[in-house]
Amino acid sequence: MRTFRGHTGFVESLAFSPVGSLVASGGSDGRVCVWDPPAGQIVYEVQMEGENIGAVAFAPDGAYLAAGSHSGNVRLFSLAEGSEPVSSWADQGRVTALTFTPDSKRLAWSSYSGWAIDFLAAPFRVSVQHQGGSGHLFILRISPDGKTIATAGKGPHILLDDLQSPHNPVELTHGDRRGVWNLAFSPDGRTLAAALSGGVQLWDTATHSLLDEWKDHDDCVTGITISPDGSRLLTCSWDHIARLYQFDLAGGKRGPLVGCYDWNVGRLFDVAISPDSTLAVAGGDAGEYLVAWDVE
C-alpha cells in the first residue's frame, strides 16, 4: 500500500486516465490533483478556490480533465495548456458526478438540479441543455458504447435512457429508501453495478433484470467500479472498508471476496482501478491523502 499526500481536506472523488497511469483526485480543499502513481508525485494541479470538489473525470483520449464542485461549477481543463479552464459552466446545482462520452466529444454531469450534457466543440463555449427534472441525483454514467445514460439518486429507481433521445427512461426499481450512491458499467456494457445505502446490486442492462445482490458492508456503499479487464469488482463504504471481489463478466455476478482493506482514511467516498487493471486507489474523509494498492 502506498499513500499520496497533497490534499489538505478529505478526498471525495477519484478517476484514472483511460490512457497511461495518471489518476486525478478532487478534495474538499478545492484542489484537483493529477498524480503519477509510480512516482507518487503530483504532475498537474488546479485550485478551485473555496469549493468542495465533488467529481472529477478524464476524457477517454486523456487530453482533458473535468472537475465539478458542490458550489455548482463545472470546469474543463486541458492537461497540455495549463491550469486555466478552457470552458466552464456555472449554477449547475451541487455537482455529484461527471463523465465523458466514449468519443470525448461531450461532457455530462449530474447534480441536485438533475443532469446535463454538452458538446465540447471548439472553442469550448456552448450553451447547456438540461435534461431530466428528478433532482438530487448522486451519480451519472454513460455506457461503454455511448448509447445509454444511467442516472440515480434519492429516488426509488435507477433510470436508463437513450442518450440520443432521452425522453422515455427505463426504470430499475432498487428498493433502497436512501437511494443509489454510485454506478458502474461493466466493460462490455451488459451489467450495471449499483452502490446502495444498504448493499450492492447488479443489473442486466438488456433484460433490465436483477442479476445479483449482497450486503457485506456495515454502512452506505459509496463507491463501486469494475476493472477494465472485467475480472474484479471493487466497492468502498462509509464503514471505512474497501472490498475486492472476483467478477463473472459473462454472467454479470460477483465471485469470491479476494481482498478486504482498511487503510485508516476514515469513511471512504470513492475507488478507482487503473486501465491495466493492476492498481486501485481509494480516498476518504480522514488522513488528507489517498491510498493505492495492487489488485492483481
C-alpha atoms as a PDB file:
ATOM      1  CA  MET A   1       0.000   0.000   0.000  1.00  0.00           C
ATOM      2  CA  ARG A   2       1.222   3.499  -0.893  1.00  0.00           C
ATOM      3  CA  THR A   3      -0.053   6.862   0.305  1.00  0.00           C
ATOM      4  CA  PHE A   4      -0.216  10.050  -1.749  1.00  0.00           C
ATOM      5  CA  ARG A   5      -0.198  13.208   0.347  1.00  0.00           C
ATOM      6  CA  GLY A   6      -1.094  16.563  -1.137  1.00  0.00           C
ATOM      7  CA  HIS A   7      -4.637  17.457  -0.150  1.00  0.00           C
ATOM      8  CA  THR A   8      -5.449  19.461   2.958  1.00  0.00           C
ATOM      9  CA  GLY A   9      -9.025  18.150   3.129  1.00  0.00           C
ATOM     10  CA  PHE A  10     -10.811  14.885   2.513  1.00  0.00           C
ATOM     11  CA  VAL A  11     -10.718  13.190  -0.895  1.00  0.00           C
ATOM     12  CA  GLU A  12     -14.208  12.749  -2.346  1.00  0.00           C
ATOM     13  CA  SER A  13     -13.644  11.834  -5.995  1.00  0.00           C
ATOM     14  CA  LEU A  14     -11.130   9.781  -7.993  1.00  0.00           C
ATOM     15  CA  ALA A  15     -10.590   8.901 -11.642  1.00  0.00           C
ATOM     16  CA  PHE A  16      -7.883   7.141 -13.649  1.00  0.00           C
ATOM     17  CA  SER A  17      -6.953   8.441 -17.069  1.00  0.00           C
ATOM     18  CA  PRO A  18      -8.051   5.856 -19.655  1.00  0.00           C
ATOM     19  CA  VAL A  19      -4.610   6.227 -21.268  1.00  0.00           C
ATOM     20  CA  GLY A  20      -1.418   5.846 -19.258  1.00  0.00           C
ATOM     21  CA  SER A  21      -1.350   5.593 -15.472  1.00  0.00           C
ATOM     22  CA  LEU A  22      -2.351   9.066 -14.231  1.00  0.00           C
ATOM     23  CA  VAL A  23      -5.020   9.363 -11.539  1.00  0.00           C
ATOM     24  CA  ALA A  24      -6.960  12.501 -10.593  1.00  0.00           C
ATOM     25  CA  SER A  25      -8.289  13.341  -7.138  1.00  0.00           C
ATOM     26  CA  GLY A  26     -10.727  16.029  -6.042  1.00  0.00           C
ATOM     27  CA  GLY A  27     -10.834  17.253  -2.455  1.00  0.00           C
ATOM     28  CA  SER A  28     -12.771  19.376  -0.003  1.00  0.00           C
ATOM     29  CA  ASP A  29      -9.823  21.788  -0.128  1.00  0.00           C
ATOM     30  CA  GLY A  30     -10.785  22.826  -3.671  1.00  0.00           C
ATOM     31  CA  ARG A  31      -7.732  21.164  -5.161  1.00  0.00           C
ATOM     32  CA  VAL A  32      -7.760  18.924  -8.194  1.00  0.00           C
ATOM     33  CA  CYS A  33      -4.545  16.914  -8.325  1.00  0.00           C
ATOM     34  CA  VAL A  34      -3.259  14.632 -11.062  1.00  0.00           C
ATOM     35  CA  TRP A  35      -0.831  12.033  -9.779  1.00  0.00           C
ATOM     36  CA  ASP A  36       1.804   9.819 -11.332  1.00  0.00           C
ATOM     37  CA  PRO A  37       1.308   6.728  -9.108  1.00  0.00           C
ATOM     38  CA  PRO A  38       4.666   5.049  -9.794  1.00  0.00           C
ATOM     39  CA  ALA A  39       6.479   8.246  -8.802  1.00  0.00           C
ATOM     40  CA  GLY A  40       3.970   9.236  -6.111  1.00  0.00           C
ATOM     41  CA  GLN A  41       4.096  12.813  -7.352  1.00  0.00           C
ATOM     42  CA  ILE A  42       1.602  15.464  -8.459  1.00  0.00           C
ATOM     43  CA  VAL A  43       2.175  16.236 -12.145  1.00  0.00           C
ATOM     44  CA  TYR A  44      -0.739  18.637 -12.674  1.00  0.00           C
ATOM     45  CA  GLU A  45      -2.816  20.696 -10.263  1.00  0.00           C
ATOM     46  CA  VAL A  46      -5.589  23.273 -10.299  1.00  0.00           C
ATOM     47  CA  GLN A  47      -7.240  25.147  -7.450  1.00  0.00           C
ATOM     48  CA  MET A  48     -10.958  25.910  -7.420  1.00  0.00           C
ATOM     49  CA  GLU A  49     -10.725  28.289  -4.507  1.00  0.00           C
ATOM     50  CA  GLY A  50     -13.313  27.884  -1.758  1.00  0.00           C
ATOM     51  CA  GLU A  51     -15.055  24.955  -3.484  1.00  0.00           C
ATOM     52  CA  ASN A  52     -15.541  21.347  -2.474  1.00  0.00           C
ATOM     53  CA  ILE A  53     -14.730  19.124  -5.470  1.00  0.00           C
ATOM     54  CA  GLY A  54     -17.495  16.543  -5.793  1.00  0.00           C
ATOM     55  CA  ALA A  55     -16.454  14.914  -9.084  1.00  0.00           C
ATOM     56  CA  VAL A  56     -13.520  14.525 -11.459  1.00  0.00           C
ATOM     57  CA  ALA A  57     -13.281  12.763 -14.826  1.00  0.00           C
ATOM     58  CA  PHE A  58     -10.758  12.316 -17.633  1.00  0.00           C
ATOM     59  CA  ALA A  59     -11.751  12.424 -21.277  1.00  0.00           C
ATOM     60  CA  PRO A  60     -11.310   8.999 -22.936  1.00  0.00           C
ATOM     61  CA  ASP A  61      -8.461  10.382 -25.053  1.00  0.00           C
ATOM     62  CA  GLY A  62      -6.697  11.608 -21.911  1.00  0.00           C
ATOM     63  CA  ALA A  63      -6.352  15.177 -23.158  1.00  0.00           C
ATOM     64  CA  TYR A  64      -8.875  16.868 -20.871  1.00  0.00           C
ATOM     65  CA  LEU A  65      -9.854  16.755 -17.221  1.00  0.00           C
ATOM     66  CA  ALA A  66     -13.224  17.888 -15.876  1.00  0.00           C
ATOM     67  CA  ALA A  67     -13.993  18.889 -12.296  1.00  0.00           C
ATOM     68  CA  GLY A  68     -17.311  19.724 -10.643  1.00  0.00           C
ATOM     69  CA  SER A  69     -17.977  21.309  -7.265  1.00  0.00           C
ATOM     70  CA  HIS A  70     -20.639  21.431  -4.584  1.00  0.00           C
ATOM     71  CA  SER A  71     -20.978  25.132  -5.441  1.00  0.00           C
ATOM     72  CA  GLY A  72     -22.403  24.264  -8.855  1.00  0.00           C
ATOM     73  CA  ASN A  73     -19.378  24.915 -11.058  1.00  0.00           C
ATOM     74  CA  VAL A  74     -18.141  22.576 -13.788  1.00  0.00           C
ATOM     75  CA  ARG A  75     -14.771  23.324 -15.336  1.00  0.00           C
ATOM     76  CA  LEU A  76     -12.864  21.729 -18.176  1.00  0.00           C
ATOM     77  CA  PHE A  77      -9.068  21.784 -18.245  1.00  0.00           C
ATOM     78  CA  SER A  78      -6.555  20.885 -20.942  1.00  0.00           C
ATOM     79  CA  LEU A  79      -3.645  18.982 -19.438  1.00  0.00           C
ATOM     80  CA  ALA A  80      -1.407  20.454 -22.139  1.00  0.00           C
ATOM     81  CA  GLU A  81      -2.498  24.089 -21.772  1.00  0.00           C
ATOM     82  CA  GLY A  82      -2.042  24.932 -18.098  1.00  0.00           C
ATOM     83  CA  SER A  83      -4.308  25.487 -15.129  1.00  0.00           C
ATOM     84  CA  GLU A  84      -6.841  27.912 -16.607  1.00  0.00           C
ATOM     85  CA  PRO A  85     -10.104  26.255 -17.662  1.00  0.00           C
ATOM     86  CA  VAL A  86     -10.801  26.050 -21.378  1.00  0.00           C
ATOM     87  CA  SER A  87     -14.513  26.033 -20.594  1.00  0.00           C
ATOM     88  CA  SER A  88     -16.762  26.398 -17.564  1.00  0.00           C
ATOM     89  CA  TRP A  89     -20.413  26.126 -16.583  1.00  0.00           C
ATOM     90  CA  ALA A  90     -21.883  27.841 -13.518  1.00  0.00           C
ATOM     91  CA  ASP A  91     -25.036  27.439 -11.431  1.00  0.00           C
ATOM     92  CA  GLN A  92     -25.420  23.728 -12.120  1.00  0.00           C
ATOM     93  CA  GLY A  93     -26.512  22.743  -8.617  1.00  0.00           C
ATOM     94  CA  ARG A  94     -24.381  20.592  -6.344  1.00  0.00           C
ATOM     95  CA  VAL A  95     -22.356  18.554  -8.857  1.00  0.00           C
ATOM     96  CA  THR A  96     -22.141  14.869  -7.919  1.00  0.00           C
ATOM     97  CA  ALA A  97     -20.686  13.107 -10.973  1.00  0.00           C
ATOM     98  CA  LEU A  98     -19.020  13.767 -14.320  1.00  0.00           C
ATOM     99  CA  THR A  99     -18.490  11.572 -17.361  1.00  0.00           C
ATOM    100  CA  PHE A 100     -17.450  11.978 -20.983  1.00  0.00           C
ATOM    101  CA  THR A 101     -18.965  10.197 -23.947  1.00  0.00           C
ATOM    102  CA  PRO A 102     -16.641   7.495 -25.364  1.00  0.00           C
ATOM    103  CA  ASP A 103     -15.750   9.716 -28.358  1.00  0.00           C
ATOM    104  CA  SER A 104     -14.596  12.530 -25.990  1.00  0.00           C
ATOM    105  CA  LYS A 105     -16.938  14.969 -27.773  1.00  0.00           C
ATOM    106  CA  ARG A 106     -19.441  15.543 -24.971  1.00  0.00           C
ATOM    107  CA  LEU A 107     -19.345  16.015 -21.219  1.00  0.00           C
ATOM    108  CA  ALA A 108     -22.241  15.087 -18.937  1.00  0.00           C
ATOM    109  CA  TRP A 109     -22.804  15.767 -15.259  1.00  0.00           C
ATOM    110  CA  SER A 110     -25.358  15.068 -12.562  1.00  0.00           C
ATOM    111  CA  SER A 111     -26.297  17.368  -9.711  1.00  0.00           C
ATOM    112  CA  TYR A 112     -29.012  18.166  -7.223  1.00  0.00           C
ATOM    113  CA  SER A 113     -30.684  20.001 -10.136  1.00  0.00           C
ATOM    114  CA  GLY A 114     -30.886  16.991 -12.468  1.00  0.00           C
ATOM    115  CA  TRP A 115     -28.434  16.213 -15.253  1.00  0.00           C
ATOM    116  CA  ALA A 116     -26.990  17.903 -18.308  1.00  0.00           C
ATOM    117  CA  ILE A 117     -24.842  17.063 -21.315  1.00  0.00           C
ATOM    118  CA  ASP A 118     -22.961  19.430 -23.571  1.00  0.00           C
ATOM    119  CA  PHE A 119     -20.923  19.275 -26.764  1.00  0.00           C
ATOM    120  CA  LEU A 120     -17.275  20.242 -26.424  1.00  0.00           C
ATOM    121  CA  ALA A 121     -16.854  21.800 -29.850  1.00  0.00           C
ATOM    122  CA  ALA A 122     -14.062  24.337 -30.229  1.00  0.00           C
ATOM    123  CA  PRO A 123     -13.677  26.846 -28.722  1.00  0.00           C
ATOM    124  CA  PHE A 124     -15.463  25.002 -25.903  1.00  0.00           C
ATOM    125  CA  ARG A 125     -18.134  27.660 -25.455  1.00  0.00           C
ATOM    126  CA  VAL A 126     -21.651  26.364 -25.928  1.00  0.00           C
ATOM    127  CA  SER A 127     -24.902  26.541 -24.019  1.00  0.00           C
ATOM    128  CA  VAL A 128     -26.044  23.878 -21.598  1.00  0.00           C
ATOM    129  CA  GLN A 129     -29.184  21.872 -22.217  1.00  0.00           C
ATOM    130  CA  HIS A 130     -30.558  20.370 -19.011  1.00  0.00           C
ATOM    131  CA  GLN A 131     -32.300  17.033 -19.170  1.00  0.00           C
ATOM    132  CA  GLY A 132     -34.427  15.346 -16.576  1.00  0.00           C
ATOM    133  CA  GLY A 133     -36.002  17.031 -13.603  1.00  0.00           C
ATOM    134  CA  SER A 134     -35.925  14.465 -10.832  1.00  0.00           C
ATOM    135  CA  GLY A 135     -33.296  16.393  -8.892  1.00  0.00           C
ATOM    136  CA  HIS A 136     -30.930  15.259  -6.153  1.00  0.00           C
ATOM    137  CA  LEU A 137     -29.001  12.918  -8.391  1.00  0.00           C
ATOM    138  CA  PHE A 138     -25.960  11.291  -6.822  1.00  0.00           C
ATOM    139  CA  ILE A 139     -24.493   9.634  -9.880  1.00  0.00           C
ATOM    140  CA  LEU A 140     -24.465   9.520 -13.682  1.00  0.00           C
ATOM    141  CA  ARG A 141     -22.710   7.085 -16.005  1.00  0.00           C
ATOM    142  CA  ILE A 142     -22.606   6.528 -19.789  1.00  0.00           C
ATOM    143  CA  SER A 143     -22.399   3.002 -21.207  1.00  0.00           C
ATOM    144  CA  PRO A 144     -19.188   1.926 -22.992  1.00  0.00           C
ATOM    145  CA  ASP A 145     -20.920   2.057 -26.398  1.00  0.00           C
ATOM    146  CA  GLY A 146     -22.096   5.623 -25.727  1.00  0.00           C
ATOM    147  CA  LYS A 147     -25.757   4.792 -26.292  1.00  0.00           C
ATOM    148  CA  THR A 148     -27.185   4.692 -22.760  1.00  0.00           C
ATOM    149  CA  ILE A 149     -27.051   7.096 -19.851  1.00  0.00           C
ATOM    150  CA  ALA A 150     -27.733   5.815 -16.338  1.00  0.00           C
ATOM    151  CA  THR A 151     -28.720   8.169 -13.527  1.00  0.00           C
ATOM    152  CA  ALA A 152     -29.754   7.613  -9.923  1.00  0.00           C
ATOM    153  CA  GLY A 153     -30.064   9.376  -6.609  1.00  0.00           C
ATOM    154  CA  LYS A 154     -32.554   9.677  -3.799  1.00  0.00           C
ATOM    155  CA  GLY A 155     -35.450   8.301  -5.807  1.00  0.00           C
ATOM    156  CA  PRO A 156     -36.588   4.656  -5.860  1.00  0.00           C
ATOM    157  CA  HIS A 157     -35.305   3.960  -9.371  1.00  0.00           C
ATOM    158  CA  ILE A 158     -32.195   3.777 -11.481  1.00  0.00           C
ATOM    159  CA  LEU A 159     -33.060   5.358 -14.830  1.00  0.00           C
ATOM    160  CA  LEU A 160     -31.654   4.048 -18.121  1.00  0.00           C
ATOM    161  CA  ASP A 161     -32.205   6.379 -21.047  1.00  0.00           C
ATOM    162  CA  ASP A 162     -31.279   6.622 -24.726  1.00  0.00           C
ATOM    163  CA  LEU A 163     -28.515   9.224 -24.841  1.00  0.00           C
ATOM    164  CA  GLN A 164     -29.505  10.346 -28.336  1.00  0.00           C
ATOM    165  CA  SER A 165     -33.167  10.865 -27.422  1.00  0.00           C
ATOM    166  CA  PRO A 166     -33.579  10.935 -23.623  1.00  0.00           C
ATOM    167  CA  HIS A 167     -37.332  11.090 -23.207  1.00  0.00           C
ATOM    168  CA  ASN A 168     -38.598   7.697 -22.038  1.00  0.00           C
ATOM    169  CA  PRO A 169     -36.252   6.126 -19.465  1.00  0.00           C
ATOM    170  CA  VAL A 170     -36.436   2.536 -18.274  1.00  0.00           C
ATOM    171  CA  GLU A 171     -36.863   2.312 -14.506  1.00  0.00           C
ATOM    172  CA  LEU A 172     -34.931  -0.242 -12.460  1.00  0.00           C
ATOM    173  CA  THR A 173     -36.553  -0.382  -9.027  1.00  0.00           C
ATOM    174  CA  HIS A 174     -33.818  -0.987  -6.477  1.00  0.00           C
ATOM    175  CA  GLY A 175     -35.916  -0.875  -3.290  1.00  0.00           C
ATOM    176  CA  ASP A 176     -33.483   1.127  -1.144  1.00  0.00           C
ATOM    177  CA  ARG A 177     -35.234   4.066   0.523  1.00  0.00           C
ATOM    178  CA  ARG A 178     -31.980   6.062   0.821  1.00  0.00           C
ATOM    179  CA  GLY A 179     -31.182   5.688  -2.851  1.00  0.00           C
ATOM    180  CA  VAL A 180     -28.194   4.916  -5.054  1.00  0.00           C
ATOM    181  CA  TRP A 181     -24.800   6.455  -4.309  1.00  0.00           C
ATOM    182  CA  ASN A 182     -22.757   5.202  -7.243  1.00  0.00           C
ATOM    183  CA  LEU A 183     -22.981   3.238 -10.502  1.00  0.00           C
ATOM    184  CA  ALA A 184     -20.556   1.382 -12.764  1.00  0.00           C
ATOM    185  CA  PHE A 185     -20.989  -0.296 -16.137  1.00  0.00           C
ATOM    186  CA  SER A 186     -19.077  -3.488 -16.875  1.00  0.00           C
ATOM    187  CA  PRO A 187     -16.551  -3.160 -19.746  1.00  0.00           C
ATOM    188  CA  ASP A 188     -18.938  -4.886 -22.161  1.00  0.00           C
ATOM    189  CA  GLY A 189     -21.882  -2.731 -21.015  1.00  0.00           C
ATOM    190  CA  ARG A 190     -24.049  -5.767 -20.229  1.00  0.00           C
ATOM    191  CA  THR A 191     -24.045  -5.256 -16.450  1.00  0.00           C
ATOM    192  CA  LEU A 192     -24.735  -2.192 -14.332  1.00  0.00           C
ATOM    193  CA  ALA A 193     -23.439  -2.269 -10.756  1.00  0.00           C
ATOM    194  CA  ALA A 194     -25.211  -0.087  -8.179  1.00  0.00           C
ATOM    195  CA  ALA A 195     -23.854   1.025  -4.810  1.00  0.00           C
ATOM    196  CA  LEU A 196     -26.757   1.486  -2.392  1.00  0.00           C
ATOM    197  CA  SER A 197     -27.007   2.612   1.197  1.00  0.00           C
ATOM    198  CA  GLY A 198     -27.818  -0.980   2.115  1.00  0.00           C
ATOM    199  CA  GLY A 199     -25.636  -3.012  -0.223  1.00  0.00           C
ATOM    200  CA  VAL A 200     -24.795  -3.728  -3.867  1.00  0.00           C
ATOM    201  CA  GLN A 201     -26.958  -4.777  -6.824  1.00  0.00           C
ATOM    202  CA  LEU A 202     -26.033  -5.986 -10.307  1.00  0.00           C
ATOM    203  CA  TRP A 203     -28.486  -5.425 -13.175  1.00  0.00           C
ATOM    204  CA  ASP A 204     -28.720  -6.817 -16.701  1.00  0.00           C
ATOM    205  CA  THR A 205     -28.865  -3.777 -18.992  1.00  0.00           C
ATOM    206  CA  ALA A 206     -30.597  -5.677 -21.811  1.00  0.00           C
ATOM    207  CA  THR A 207     -33.335  -7.511 -19.889  1.00  0.00           C
ATOM    208  CA  HIS A 208     -33.479  -4.959 -17.026  1.00  0.00           C
ATOM    209  CA  SER A 209     -33.478  -7.832 -14.544  1.00  0.00           C
ATOM    210  CA  LEU A 210     -31.678  -8.075 -11.205  1.00  0.00           C
ATOM    211  CA  LEU A 211     -28.729 -10.475 -11.500  1.00  0.00           C
ATOM    212  CA  ASP A 212     -27.183 -10.395  -8.035  1.00  0.00           C
ATOM    213  CA  GLU A 213     -27.274  -8.513  -4.736  1.00  0.00           C
ATOM    214  CA  TRP A 214     -25.489  -8.651  -1.408  1.00  0.00           C
ATOM    215  CA  LYS A 215     -24.915  -6.710   1.818  1.00  0.00           C
ATOM    216  CA  ASP A 216     -21.335  -7.100   3.023  1.00  0.00           C
ATOM    217  CA  HIS A 217     -20.722  -3.529   4.192  1.00  0.00           C
ATOM    218  CA  ASP A 218     -21.953  -2.095   7.501  1.00  0.00           C
ATOM    219  CA  ASP A 219     -22.784   1.387   6.157  1.00  0.00           C
ATOM    220  CA  CYS A 220     -23.576   3.178   2.899  1.00  0.00           C
ATOM    221  CA  VAL A 221     -21.719   1.797  -0.120  1.00  0.00           C
ATOM    222  CA  THR A 222     -20.376   4.979  -1.696  1.00  0.00           C
ATOM    223  CA  GLY A 223     -18.002   3.747  -4.393  1.00  0.00           C
ATOM    224  CA  ILE A 224     -18.090   0.934  -6.926  1.00  0.00           C
ATOM    225  CA  THR A 225     -16.105   0.049 -10.022  1.00  0.00           C
ATOM    226  CA  ILE A 226     -15.459  -2.928 -12.291  1.00  0.00           C
ATOM    227  CA  SER A 227     -11.924  -3.396 -13.572  1.00  0.00           C
ATOM    228  CA  PRO A 228     -11.354  -2.669 -17.277  1.00  0.00           C
ATOM    229  CA  ASP A 229     -10.482  -6.327 -17.899  1.00  0.00           C
ATOM    230  CA  GLY A 230     -13.757  -7.416 -16.275  1.00  0.00           C
ATOM    231  CA  SER A 231     -12.115  -9.681 -13.691  1.00  0.00           C
ATOM    232  CA  ARG A 232     -12.617  -7.657 -10.488  1.00  0.00           C
ATOM    233  CA  LEU A 233     -15.341  -5.664  -8.744  1.00  0.00           C
ATOM    234  CA  LEU A 234     -14.313  -3.143  -6.059  1.00  0.00           C
ATOM    235  CA  THR A 235     -16.557  -1.395  -3.529  1.00  0.00           C
ATOM    236  CA  CYS A 236     -15.997   1.067  -0.692  1.00  0.00           C
ATOM    237  CA  SER A 237     -18.159   2.311   2.150  1.00  0.00           C
ATOM    238  CA  TRP A 238     -18.592   4.721   4.993  1.00  0.00           C
ATOM    239  CA  ASP A 239     -17.722   1.725   7.181  1.00  0.00           C
ATOM    240  CA  HIS A 240     -14.054   2.564   6.273  1.00  0.00           C
ATOM    241  CA  ILE A 241     -13.666  -0.691   4.304  1.00  0.00           C
ATOM    242  CA  ALA A 242     -12.904  -1.435   0.645  1.00  0.00           C
ATOM    243  CA  ARG A 243     -13.834  -4.895  -0.631  1.00  0.00           C
ATOM    244  CA  LEU A 244     -12.445  -6.557  -3.742  1.00  0.00           C
ATOM    245  CA  TYR A 245     -14.269  -9.456  -5.422  1.00  0.00           C
ATOM    246  CA  GLN A 246     -13.702 -11.645  -8.406  1.00  0.00           C
ATOM    247  CA  PHE A 247     -16.248 -10.796 -11.098  1.00  0.00           C
ATOM    248  CA  ASP A 248     -18.020 -13.078 -13.566  1.00  0.00           C
ATOM    249  CA  LEU A 249     -18.180 -10.846 -16.633  1.00  0.00           C
ATOM    250  CA  ALA A 250     -20.190 -13.308 -18.741  1.00  0.00           C
ATOM    251  CA  GLY A 251     -22.791 -13.927 -16.044  1.00  0.00           C
ATOM    252  CA  GLY A 252     -22.768 -10.463 -14.520  1.00  0.00           C
ATOM    253  CA  LYS A 253     -22.318 -11.840 -11.000  1.00  0.00           C
ATOM    254  CA  ARG A 254     -19.987 -11.391  -8.067  1.00  0.00           C
ATOM    255  CA  GLY A 255     -17.329 -14.004  -7.424  1.00  0.00           C
ATOM    256  CA  PRO A 256     -15.444 -14.743  -4.204  1.00  0.00           C
ATOM    257  CA  LEU A 257     -14.082 -11.995  -1.960  1.00  0.00           C
ATOM    258  CA  VAL A 258     -10.339 -11.690  -2.626  1.00  0.00           C
ATOM    259  CA  GLY A 259      -9.444  -8.637  -0.531  1.00  0.00           C
ATOM    260  CA  CYS A 260     -10.763  -6.589   2.394  1.00  0.00           C
ATOM    261  CA  TYR A 261      -8.928  -3.358   3.214  1.00  0.00           C
ATOM    262  CA  ASP A 262      -8.996  -0.684   5.927  1.00  0.00           C
ATOM    263  CA  TRP A 263      -6.390   1.955   5.121  1.00  0.00           C
ATOM    264  CA  ASN A 264      -7.254   4.283   8.040  1.00  0.00           C
ATOM    265  CA  VAL A 265      -8.562   7.043   5.796  1.00  0.00           C
ATOM    266  CA  GLY A 266     -11.929   7.211   7.542  1.00  0.00           C
ATOM    267  CA  ARG A 267     -15.217   6.954   5.694  1.00  0.00           C
ATOM    268  CA  LEU A 268     -14.427   6.038   2.102  1.00  0.00           C
ATOM    269  CA  PHE A 269     -16.021   8.064  -0.695  1.00  0.00           C
ATOM    270  CA  ASP A 270     -14.638   6.682  -3.939  1.00  0.00           C
ATOM    271  CA  VAL A 271     -12.491   3.973  -5.519  1.00  0.00           C
ATOM    272  CA  ALA A 272     -10.982   3.513  -8.984  1.00  0.00           C
ATOM    273  CA  ILE A 273      -9.000   0.860 -10.848  1.00  0.00           C
ATOM    274  CA  SER A 274      -6.251   1.592 -13.383  1.00  0.00           C
ATOM    275  CA  PRO A 275      -6.670   0.925 -17.130  1.00  0.00           C
ATOM    276  CA  ASP A 276      -4.399  -2.132 -16.917  1.00  0.00           C
ATOM    277  CA  SER A 277      -6.498  -3.486 -14.001  1.00  0.00           C
ATOM    278  CA  THR A 278      -3.494  -3.805 -11.677  1.00  0.00           C
ATOM    279  CA  LEU A 279      -3.751  -0.776  -9.345  1.00  0.00           C
ATOM    280  CA  ALA A 280      -6.593   0.537  -7.188  1.00  0.00           C
ATOM    281  CA  VAL A 281      -6.956   3.854  -5.354  1.00  0.00           C
ATOM    282  CA  ALA A 282      -9.288   4.973  -2.566  1.00  0.00           C
ATOM    283  CA  GLY A 283      -9.980   8.250  -0.785  1.00  0.00           C
ATOM    284  CA  GLY A 284     -11.819   9.176   2.399  1.00  0.00           C
ATOM    285  CA  ASP A 285     -12.543  11.840   4.974  1.00  0.00           C
ATOM    286  CA  ALA A 286      -9.557  11.288   7.288  1.00  0.00           C
ATOM    287  CA  GLY A 287      -5.826  11.482   6.757  1.00  0.00           C
ATOM    288  CA  GLU A 288      -5.931  14.049   3.916  1.00  0.00           C
ATOM    289  CA  TYR A 289      -4.377  11.585   1.481  1.00  0.00           C
ATOM    290  CA  LEU A 290      -5.311   8.849  -0.942  1.00  0.00           C
ATOM    291  CA  VAL A 291      -4.036   5.297  -0.954  1.00  0.00           C
ATOM    292  CA  ALA A 292      -3.046   2.948  -3.779  1.00  0.00           C
ATOM    293  CA  TRP A 293      -2.545  -0.798  -3.758  1.00  0.00           C
ATOM    294  CA  ASP A 294      -2.016  -3.680  -6.181  1.00  0.00           C
ATOM    295  CA  VAL A 295      -5.126  -5.706  -7.054  1.00  0.00           C
ATOM    296  CA  GLU A 296      -3.589  -8.407  -9.256  1.00  0.00           C
END
